[in-house]
Amino acid sequence: MFLKNKRDLAEKLDHQKDYTKPVEKAHKPVRTKEEILKQRKAMMEYKGPAAARAKSQMEERNDLRKEDLSPAPVGRTFGNNPFLDPSKQTKEPNPELLNRLAFGTRAKVTKEEMKALNSKNYEMLPEVRKKKEEEKKKEEMRKRLEKAKELNDKIRGTMKRKTIQNFE
């Protein structure tokens, strides 16, 4: 009976294999690593119209900023309009930051800054926070036990003295 079931299962699997043959796809030409690297470099160097547009927009903003630095006319009131009040206007991002983002270059970070960022992020991890809290609790418990021992020793010492005095 076991052999019969095994044969039936084998036949079913063979039958399924015939229907589930994958359709062969056309082979893509195989590229070498050098060709892939060349293409990647070309893509990284390509600035395109978007980068030129971003650069011109940034230059326009810088020009507008220079014009905005001129002193405001005397006696000008802003009322409740937040769009006219310079203290309530949002600051525009740093032009160097915009330029860096437009061209896709990486931020320059020193080793010391990177280490500081890494250690700060590590300290913010929930596992690390829990571990520190547990260590703090253990330390507090140890201190409480030490105080309790000292008090216990004092009480025992005074009790011994009192019992010795009572027997004398």
C-alpha atoms as a PDB file:
ATOM      1  CA  MET A   1       0.000   0.000   0.000  1.00  0.00           C
ATOM      2  CA  PHE A   2       2.806   2.399   0.866  1.00  0.00           C
ATOM      3  CA  LEU A   3       4.582   1.637  -2.411  1.00  0.00           C
ATOM      4  CA  LYS A   4       1.353   2.206  -4.352  1.00  0.00           C
ATOM      5  CA  ASN A   5       0.855   5.636  -2.739  1.00  0.00           C
ATOM      6  CA  LYS A   6       4.464   6.470  -3.452  1.00  0.00           C
ATOM      7  CA  ARG A   7       4.066   5.532  -7.149  1.00  0.00           C
ATOM      8  CA  ASP A   8       0.859   7.563  -7.459  1.00  0.00           C
ATOM      9  CA  LEU A   9       2.545  10.583  -5.938  1.00  0.00           C
ATOM     10  CA  ALA A  10       5.523  10.220  -8.293  1.00  0.00           C
ATOM     11  CA  GLU A  11       3.188  10.043 -11.293  1.00  0.00           C
ATOM     12  CA  LYS A  12       1.323  13.158 -10.149  1.00  0.00           C
ATOM     13  CA  LEU A  13       4.573  15.047  -9.752  1.00  0.00           C
ATOM     14  CA  ASP A  14       5.759  13.991 -13.207  1.00  0.00           C
ATOM     15  CA  HIS A  15       2.429  15.048 -14.668  1.00  0.00           C
ATOM     16  CA  GLN A  16       2.651  18.451 -12.958  1.00  0.00           C
ATOM     17  CA  LYS A  17       6.197  18.984 -14.215  1.00  0.00           C
ATOM     18  CA  ASP A  18       5.026  18.710 -17.808  1.00  0.00           C
ATOM     19  CA  TYR A  19       2.501  21.521 -17.382  1.00  0.00           C
ATOM     20  CA  THR A  20       4.607  23.819 -15.251  1.00  0.00           C
ATOM     21  CA  LYS A  21       7.653  24.125 -17.465  1.00  0.00           C
ATOM     22  CA  PRO A  22       8.873  27.706 -17.379  1.00  0.00           C
ATOM     23  CA  VAL A  23       8.631  29.676 -20.578  1.00  0.00           C
ATOM     24  CA  GLU A  24      12.123  30.430 -21.796  1.00  0.00           C
ATOM     25  CA  LYS A  25      12.923  34.111 -21.989  1.00  0.00           C
ATOM     26  CA  ALA A  26      15.203  35.793 -24.475  1.00  0.00           C
ATOM     27  CA  HIS A  27      18.684  36.071 -23.042  1.00  0.00           C
ATOM     28  CA  LYS A  28      19.934  39.573 -22.334  1.00  0.00           C
ATOM     29  CA  PRO A  29      23.446  40.344 -23.436  1.00  0.00           C
ATOM     30  CA  VAL A  30      25.854  39.779 -20.581  1.00  0.00           C
ATOM     31  CA  ARG A  31      27.737  42.904 -19.586  1.00  0.00           C
ATOM     32  CA  THR A  32      31.096  42.931 -17.901  1.00  0.00           C
ATOM     33  CA  LYS A  33      31.792  44.720 -14.639  1.00  0.00           C
ATOM     34  CA  GLU A  34      33.811  47.330 -16.485  1.00  0.00           C
ATOM     35  CA  GLU A  35      30.848  48.189 -18.726  1.00  0.00           C
ATOM     36  CA  ILE A  36      28.562  48.463 -15.726  1.00  0.00           C
ATOM     37  CA  LEU A  37      31.058  50.741 -13.936  1.00  0.00           C
ATOM     38  CA  LYS A  38      31.361  52.960 -17.032  1.00  0.00           C
ATOM     39  CA  GLN A  39      27.607  53.313 -17.190  1.00  0.00           C
ATOM     40  CA  ARG A  40      27.379  54.111 -13.488  1.00  0.00           C
ATOM     41  CA  LYS A  41      30.090  56.784 -13.759  1.00  0.00           C
ATOM     42  CA  ALA A  42      28.322  58.330 -16.749  1.00  0.00           C
ATOM     43  CA  MET A  43      25.069  58.417 -14.800  1.00  0.00           C
ATOM     44  CA  MET A  44      26.762  60.030 -11.790  1.00  0.00           C
ATOM     45  CA  GLU A  45      28.454  62.680 -13.941  1.00  0.00           C
ATOM     46  CA  TYR A  46      25.278  63.562 -15.870  1.00  0.00           C
ATOM     47  CA  LYS A  47      23.836  66.715 -14.386  1.00  0.00           C
ATOM     48  CA  GLY A  48      20.889  67.112 -16.744  1.00  0.00           C
ATOM     49  CA  PRO A  49      18.433  69.970 -17.113  1.00  0.00           C
ATOM     50  CA  ALA A  50      17.051  69.570 -13.578  1.00  0.00           C
ATOM     51  CA  ALA A  51      20.428  70.394 -12.015  1.00  0.00           C
ATOM     52  CA  ALA A  52      20.871  73.450 -14.246  1.00  0.00           C
ATOM     53  CA  ARG A  53      17.351  74.584 -13.358  1.00  0.00           C
ATOM     54  CA  ALA A  54      18.025  74.151  -9.645  1.00  0.00           C
ATOM     55  CA  LYS A  55      21.248  76.126  -9.929  1.00  0.00           C
ATOM     56  CA  SER A  56      19.526  79.024 -11.704  1.00  0.00           C
ATOM     57  CA  GLN A  57      16.721  79.021  -9.116  1.00  0.00           C
ATOM     58  CA  MET A  58      19.288  79.131  -6.335  1.00  0.00           C
ATOM     59  CA  GLU A  59      21.031  82.080  -7.946  1.00  0.00           C
ATOM     60  CA  GLU A  60      17.679  83.892  -8.244  1.00  0.00           C
ATOM     61  CA  ARG A  61      16.963  83.269  -4.560  1.00  0.00           C
ATOM     62  CA  ASN A  62      20.382  84.612  -3.592  1.00  0.00           C
ATOM     63  CA  ASP A  63      19.711  87.744  -5.636  1.00  0.00           C
ATOM     64  CA  LEU A  64      16.335  88.174  -3.941  1.00  0.00           C
ATOM     65  CA  ARG A  65      17.928  87.746  -0.534  1.00  0.00           C
ATOM     66  CA  LYS A  66      20.449  90.456  -1.287  1.00  0.00           C
ATOM     67  CA  GLU A  67      17.598  92.779  -2.273  1.00  0.00           C
ATOM     68  CA  ASP A  68      15.619  91.852   0.876  1.00  0.00           C
ATOM     69  CA  LEU A  69      18.505  92.939   3.080  1.00  0.00           C
ATOM     70  CA  SER A  70      17.758  96.561   2.278  1.00  0.00           C
ATOM     71  CA  PRO A  71      16.207  98.425   5.256  1.00  0.00           C
ATOM     72  CA  ALA A  72      12.407  98.451   5.503  1.00  0.00           C
ATOM     73  CA  PRO A  73      10.637 101.803   5.015  1.00  0.00           C
ATOM     74  CA  VAL A  74      10.035 103.782   8.207  1.00  0.00           C
ATOM     75  CA  GLY A  75       6.545 103.660   9.694  1.00  0.00           C
ATOM     76  CA  ARG A  76       5.604 100.370   8.006  1.00  0.00           C
ATOM     77  CA  THR A  77       3.195  98.266  10.084  1.00  0.00           C
ATOM     78  CA  PHE A  78       2.522  94.568   9.661  1.00  0.00           C
ATOM     79  CA  GLY A  79      -0.717  94.151  11.622  1.00  0.00           C
ATOM     80  CA  ASN A  80      -1.880  90.566  12.008  1.00  0.00           C
ATOM     81  CA  ASN A  81      -0.650  89.394   8.611  1.00  0.00           C
ATOM     82  CA  PRO A  82       2.029  86.724   9.204  1.00  0.00           C
ATOM     83  CA  PHE A  83       3.066  86.857   5.550  1.00  0.00           C
ATOM     84  CA  LEU A  84       4.240  90.447   5.871  1.00  0.00           C
ATOM     85  CA  ASP A  85       5.835  90.140   9.308  1.00  0.00           C
ATOM     86  CA  PRO A  86       9.524  89.214   8.785  1.00  0.00           C
ATOM     87  CA  SER A  87       9.787  87.645  12.255  1.00  0.00           C
ATOM     88  CA  LYS A  88       7.088  85.087  11.359  1.00  0.00           C
ATOM     89  CA  GLN A  89       8.381  84.201   7.911  1.00  0.00           C
ATOM     90  CA  THR A  90      10.063  80.836   7.518  1.00  0.00           C
ATOM     91  CA  LYS A  91      13.768  80.772   6.861  1.00  0.00           C
ATOM     92  CA  GLU A  92      14.938  79.507   3.508  1.00  0.00           C
ATOM     93  CA  PRO A  93      17.369  76.600   3.569  1.00  0.00           C
ATOM     94  CA  ASN A  94      21.064  77.153   3.240  1.00  0.00           C
ATOM     95  CA  PRO A  95      22.018  77.616  -0.460  1.00  0.00           C
ATOM     96  CA  GLU A  96      25.012  75.286  -0.066  1.00  0.00           C
ATOM     97  CA  LEU A  97      22.668  72.602   1.211  1.00  0.00           C
ATOM     98  CA  LEU A  98      20.339  73.082  -1.752  1.00  0.00           C
ATOM     99  CA  ASN A  99      23.283  72.978  -4.142  1.00  0.00           C
ATOM    100  CA  ARG A 100      24.605  69.789  -2.558  1.00  0.00           C
ATOM    101  CA  LEU A 101      21.175  68.153  -2.738  1.00  0.00           C
ATOM    102  CA  ALA A 102      20.622  69.270  -6.344  1.00  0.00           C
ATOM    103  CA  PHE A 103      23.888  67.748  -7.521  1.00  0.00           C
ATOM    104  CA  GLY A 104      23.667  64.670  -5.324  1.00  0.00           C
ATOM    105  CA  THR A 105      27.007  65.128  -3.594  1.00  0.00           C
ATOM    106  CA  ARG A 106      27.556  63.742  -0.121  1.00  0.00           C
ATOM    107  CA  ALA A 107      27.942  65.872   2.971  1.00  0.00           C
ATOM    108  CA  LYS A 108      31.492  66.211   4.269  1.00  0.00           C
ATOM    109  CA  VAL A 109      31.609  64.862   7.803  1.00  0.00           C
ATOM    110  CA  THR A 110      34.771  64.543   9.846  1.00  0.00           C
ATOM    111  CA  LYS A 111      35.627  61.378  11.750  1.00  0.00           C
ATOM    112  CA  GLU A 112      35.016  63.085  15.088  1.00  0.00           C
ATOM    113  CA  GLU A 113      31.561  64.282  14.013  1.00  0.00           C
ATOM    114  CA  MET A 114      30.716  60.831  12.689  1.00  0.00           C
ATOM    115  CA  LYS A 115      31.799  59.183  15.950  1.00  0.00           C
ATOM    116  CA  ALA A 116      29.751  61.679  17.955  1.00  0.00           C
ATOM    117  CA  LEU A 117      26.683  61.037  15.804  1.00  0.00           C
ATOM    118  CA  ASN A 118      27.130  57.272  16.060  1.00  0.00           C
ATOM    119  CA  SER A 119      27.537  57.324  19.830  1.00  0.00           C
ATOM    120  CA  LYS A 120      24.518  59.636  20.197  1.00  0.00           C
ATOM    121  CA  ASN A 121      22.377  57.368  18.031  1.00  0.00           C
ATOM    122  CA  TYR A 122      23.629  54.302  19.909  1.00  0.00           C
ATOM    123  CA  GLU A 123      22.673  55.859  23.233  1.00  0.00           C
ATOM    124  CA  MET A 124      19.159  56.506  21.883  1.00  0.00           C
ATOM    125  CA  LEU A 125      18.522  52.822  21.076  1.00  0.00           C
ATOM    126  CA  PRO A 126      15.766  51.329  23.239  1.00  0.00           C
ATOM    127  CA  GLU A 127      17.870  48.283  24.177  1.00  0.00           C
ATOM    128  CA  VAL A 128      20.702  50.495  25.403  1.00  0.00           C
ATOM    129  CA  ARG A 129      18.298  52.707  27.361  1.00  0.00           C
ATOM    130  CA  LYS A 130      16.754  49.671  29.066  1.00  0.00           C
ATOM    131  CA  LYS A 131      20.188  48.310  29.917  1.00  0.00           C
ATOM    132  CA  LYS A 132      21.225  51.622  31.493  1.00  0.00           C
ATOM    133  CA  GLU A 133      17.997  51.798  33.485  1.00  0.00           C
ATOM    134  CA  GLU A 134      18.533  48.244  34.747  1.00  0.00           C
ATOM    135  CA  GLU A 135      22.117  49.060  35.743  1.00  0.00           C
ATOM    136  CA  LYS A 136      20.891  52.167  37.564  1.00  0.00           C
ATOM    137  CA  LYS A 137      18.268  50.132  39.433  1.00  0.00           C
ATOM    138  CA  LYS A 138      20.868  47.503  40.396  1.00  0.00           C
ATOM    139  CA  GLU A 139      23.203  50.213  41.690  1.00  0.00           C
ATOM    140  CA  GLU A 140      20.428  51.793  43.761  1.00  0.00           C
ATOM    141  CA  MET A 141      19.468  48.387  45.159  1.00  0.00           C
ATOM    142  CA  ARG A 142      23.100  47.689  46.089  1.00  0.00           C
ATOM    143  CA  LYS A 143      23.339  51.035  47.907  1.00  0.00           C
ATOM    144  CA  ARG A 144      20.097  50.373  49.784  1.00  0.00           C
ATOM    145  CA  LEU A 145      21.351  46.932  50.847  1.00  0.00           C
ATOM    146  CA  GLU A 146      24.629  48.437  52.080  1.00  0.00           C
ATOM    147  CA  LYS A 147      22.732  51.024  54.151  1.00  0.00           C
ATOM    148  CA  ALA A 148      20.466  48.313  55.549  1.00  0.00           C
ATOM    149  CA  LYS A 149      23.538  46.238  56.533  1.00  0.00           C
ATOM    150  CA  GLU A 150      25.122  49.218  58.260  1.00  0.00           C
ATOM    151  CA  LEU A 151      21.930  49.961  60.185  1.00  0.00           C
ATOM    152  CA  ASN A 152      21.569  46.300  61.083  1.00  0.00           C
ATOM    153  CA  ASP A 153      25.170  46.214  62.363  1.00  0.00           C
ATOM    154  CA  LYS A 154      24.560  49.366  64.456  1.00  0.00           C
ATOM    155  CA  ILE A 155      21.378  47.949  65.960  1.00  0.00           C
ATOM    156  CA  ARG A 156      23.055  44.633  66.750  1.00  0.00           C
ATOM    157  CA  GLY A 157      26.006  46.440  68.284  1.00  0.00           C
ATOM    158  CA  THR A 158      23.770  48.507  70.549  1.00  0.00           C
ATOM    159  CA  MET A 159      21.721  45.430  71.454  1.00  0.00           C
ATOM    160  CA  LYS A 160      24.899  43.503  72.374  1.00  0.00           C
ATOM    161  CA  ARG A 161      26.052  46.359  74.575  1.00  0.00           C
ATOM    162  CA  LYS A 162      22.687  46.562  76.302  1.00  0.00           C
ATOM    163  CA  THR A 163      22.589  42.783  76.937  1.00  0.00           C
ATOM    164  CA  ILE A 164      26.148  42.841  78.281  1.00  0.00           C
ATOM    165  CA  GLN A 165      25.284  45.735  80.606  1.00  0.00           C
ATOM    166  CA  ASN A 166      22.172  43.938  81.830  1.00  0.00           C
ATOM    167  CA  PHE A 167      24.145  40.821  82.761  1.00  0.00           C
ATOM    168  CA  GLU A 168      26.851  42.728  84.637  1.00  0.00           C
END
